[in-house]
């Protein structure tokens, strides 16, 4: 198992329930692949450095997790196909 960090930005225009559902979807993807979440930190609503899809604010979520090598690819797929996720980044931590 490898250690990773991910941060993703949700659209602030969606309801709070939809935000929670998207966070649970990402958590569920990690846990269903046999991974464990070490830290889940919701940074909240922040101003973006530059506009993404004409949005100037986003809801930031940071997760540290441990998982197999295939899990980041599945997360990147979710980040790409979900309209309410503006951006996502996954980084492998050094051992």
C-alpha atoms as a PDB file:
ATOM      1  CA  UNK A   1       0.000   0.000   0.000  1.00  0.00           C
ATOM      2  CA  UNK A   2       1.178   3.495  -0.832  1.00  0.00           C
ATOM      3  CA  UNK A   3       0.403   6.823   0.809  1.00  0.00           C
ATOM      4  CA  UNK A   4      -1.310   9.571  -1.175  1.00  0.00           C
ATOM      5  CA  UNK A   5      -2.722  13.044  -0.739  1.00  0.00           C
ATOM      6  CA  UNK A   6      -5.585  14.408  -2.775  1.00  0.00           C
ATOM      7  CA  UNK A   7      -7.247  17.760  -2.908  1.00  0.00           C
ATOM      8  CA  UNK A   8     -10.317  18.535  -4.948  1.00  0.00           C
ATOM      9  CA  UNK A   9     -12.435  21.636  -5.441  1.00  0.00           C
ATOM     10  CA  UNK A  10     -16.208  21.428  -5.530  1.00  0.00           C
ATOM     11  CA  UNK A  11     -18.531  23.952  -7.148  1.00  0.00           C
ATOM     12  CA  UNK A  12     -19.912  26.312  -4.475  1.00  0.00           C
ATOM     13  CA  UNK A  13     -23.155  26.639  -6.421  1.00  0.00           C
ATOM     14  CA  UNK A  14     -24.405  23.188  -5.421  1.00  0.00           C
ATOM     15  CA  UNK A  15     -26.343  22.434  -2.248  1.00  0.00           C
ATOM     16  CA  UNK A  16     -24.625  21.298   0.939  1.00  0.00           C
ATOM     17  CA  UNK A  17     -26.199  17.830   0.652  1.00  0.00           C
ATOM     18  CA  UNK A  18     -24.751  17.420  -2.838  1.00  0.00           C
ATOM     19  CA  UNK A  19     -21.318  18.482  -1.549  1.00  0.00           C
ATOM     20  CA  UNK A  20     -21.503  15.879   1.223  1.00  0.00           C
ATOM     21  CA  UNK A  21     -22.588  13.249  -1.317  1.00  0.00           C
ATOM     22  CA  UNK A  22     -19.583  13.976  -3.550  1.00  0.00           C
ATOM     23  CA  UNK A  23     -17.192  13.793  -0.589  1.00  0.00           C
ATOM     24  CA  UNK A  24     -18.762  10.459   0.414  1.00  0.00           C
ATOM     25  CA  UNK A  25     -18.392   9.239  -3.176  1.00  0.00           C
ATOM     26  CA  UNK A  26     -14.643   9.933  -3.133  1.00  0.00           C
ATOM     27  CA  UNK A  27     -14.305   8.374   0.346  1.00  0.00           C
ATOM     28  CA  UNK A  28     -16.286   5.347  -0.815  1.00  0.00           C
ATOM     29  CA  UNK A  29     -14.065   4.878  -3.855  1.00  0.00           C
ATOM     30  CA  UNK A  30     -10.958   4.827  -1.665  1.00  0.00           C
ATOM     31  CA  UNK A  31     -12.465   2.463   0.913  1.00  0.00           C
ATOM     32  CA  UNK A  32     -14.049   0.109  -1.630  1.00  0.00           C
ATOM     33  CA  UNK A  33     -10.613  -0.401  -3.205  1.00  0.00           C
ATOM     34  CA  UNK A  34      -9.250  -1.528   0.167  1.00  0.00           C
ATOM     35  CA  UNK A  35      -7.698   1.805   1.110  1.00  0.00           C
ATOM     36  CA  UNK A  36      -7.805   3.609   4.426  1.00  0.00           C
ATOM     37  CA  UNK A  37      -8.378   7.304   5.000  1.00  0.00           C
ATOM     38  CA  UNK A  38      -5.940   8.871   7.452  1.00  0.00           C
ATOM     39  CA  UNK A  39      -7.160  12.483   7.309  1.00  0.00           C
ATOM     40  CA  UNK A  40     -10.201  14.153   5.780  1.00  0.00           C
ATOM     41  CA  UNK A  41     -10.116  17.917   6.123  1.00  0.00           C
ATOM     42  CA  UNK A  42     -12.772  20.182   4.632  1.00  0.00           C
ATOM     43  CA  UNK A  43     -11.125  23.556   4.128  1.00  0.00           C
ATOM     44  CA  UNK A  44     -14.400  25.116   3.073  1.00  0.00           C
ATOM     45  CA  UNK A  45     -15.248  27.883   0.661  1.00  0.00           C
ATOM     46  CA  UNK A  46     -12.269  29.823  -0.700  1.00  0.00           C
ATOM     47  CA  UNK A  47     -11.619  32.196  -3.558  1.00  0.00           C
ATOM     48  CA  UNK A  48      -9.913  30.573  -6.565  1.00  0.00           C
ATOM     49  CA  UNK A  49      -6.629  31.949  -7.866  1.00  0.00           C
ATOM     50  CA  UNK A  50      -8.164  32.031 -11.343  1.00  0.00           C
ATOM     51  CA  UNK A  51     -11.613  31.354 -12.743  1.00  0.00           C
ATOM     52  CA  UNK A  52     -12.443  27.733 -13.562  1.00  0.00           C
ATOM     53  CA  UNK A  53     -15.507  27.304 -15.785  1.00  0.00           C
ATOM     54  CA  UNK A  54     -16.394  30.928 -14.988  1.00  0.00           C
ATOM     55  CA  UNK A  55     -16.452  30.133 -11.233  1.00  0.00           C
ATOM     56  CA  UNK A  56     -14.419  32.307  -8.857  1.00  0.00           C
ATOM     57  CA  UNK A  57     -15.007  30.371  -5.612  1.00  0.00           C
ATOM     58  CA  UNK A  58     -14.747  26.716  -4.705  1.00  0.00           C
ATOM     59  CA  UNK A  59     -15.199  24.362  -1.754  1.00  0.00           C
ATOM     60  CA  UNK A  60     -11.846  22.706  -0.963  1.00  0.00           C
ATOM     61  CA  UNK A  61     -11.491  19.164   0.428  1.00  0.00           C
ATOM     62  CA  UNK A  62      -8.158  17.555   1.411  1.00  0.00           C
ATOM     63  CA  UNK A  63      -7.711  13.810   2.036  1.00  0.00           C
ATOM     64  CA  UNK A  64      -4.642  11.807   3.081  1.00  0.00           C
ATOM     65  CA  UNK A  65      -5.070   8.105   2.402  1.00  0.00           C
ATOM     66  CA  UNK A  66      -3.276   4.812   1.932  1.00  0.00           C
ATOM     67  CA  UNK A  67      -4.253   2.620  -1.002  1.00  0.00           C
ATOM     68  CA  UNK A  68      -3.127   0.394  -3.842  1.00  0.00           C
ATOM     69  CA  UNK A  69      -1.618   1.883  -6.996  1.00  0.00           C
ATOM     70  CA  UNK A  70      -4.861   1.578  -9.020  1.00  0.00           C
ATOM     71  CA  UNK A  71      -6.915   3.780  -6.696  1.00  0.00           C
ATOM     72  CA  UNK A  72      -5.552   7.166  -7.883  1.00  0.00           C
ATOM     73  CA  UNK A  73      -6.525   6.310 -11.462  1.00  0.00           C
ATOM     74  CA  UNK A  74     -10.105   5.624 -10.333  1.00  0.00           C
ATOM     75  CA  UNK A  75     -10.189   8.914  -8.411  1.00  0.00           C
ATOM     76  CA  UNK A  76      -8.884  10.859 -11.406  1.00  0.00           C
ATOM     77  CA  UNK A  77     -11.678   9.348 -13.487  1.00  0.00           C
ATOM     78  CA  UNK A  78     -14.252  10.553 -10.955  1.00  0.00           C
ATOM     79  CA  UNK A  79     -12.681  14.021 -10.946  1.00  0.00           C
ATOM     80  CA  UNK A  80     -12.857  14.222 -14.760  1.00  0.00           C
ATOM     81  CA  UNK A  81     -16.427  12.993 -15.264  1.00  0.00           C
ATOM     82  CA  UNK A  82     -18.149  14.768 -12.373  1.00  0.00           C
ATOM     83  CA  UNK A  83     -19.316  18.225 -13.409  1.00  0.00           C
ATOM     84  CA  UNK A  84     -19.501  19.586  -9.848  1.00  0.00           C
ATOM     85  CA  UNK A  85     -15.811  18.853  -9.193  1.00  0.00           C
ATOM     86  CA  UNK A  86     -13.913  21.780 -10.691  1.00  0.00           C
ATOM     87  CA  UNK A  87     -10.370  20.452 -10.172  1.00  0.00           C
ATOM     88  CA  UNK A  88      -8.636  17.546  -8.493  1.00  0.00           C
ATOM     89  CA  UNK A  89      -5.038  16.637  -7.744  1.00  0.00           C
ATOM     90  CA  UNK A  90      -3.531  13.424  -6.385  1.00  0.00           C
ATOM     91  CA  UNK A  91       0.064  13.237  -5.149  1.00  0.00           C
ATOM     92  CA  UNK A  92       1.994  10.190  -3.971  1.00  0.00           C
ATOM     93  CA  UNK A  93       3.835  10.850  -0.706  1.00  0.00           C
ATOM     94  CA  UNK A  94       7.418   9.697  -0.274  1.00  0.00           C
ATOM     95  CA  UNK A  95       7.945   6.661   1.934  1.00  0.00           C
END
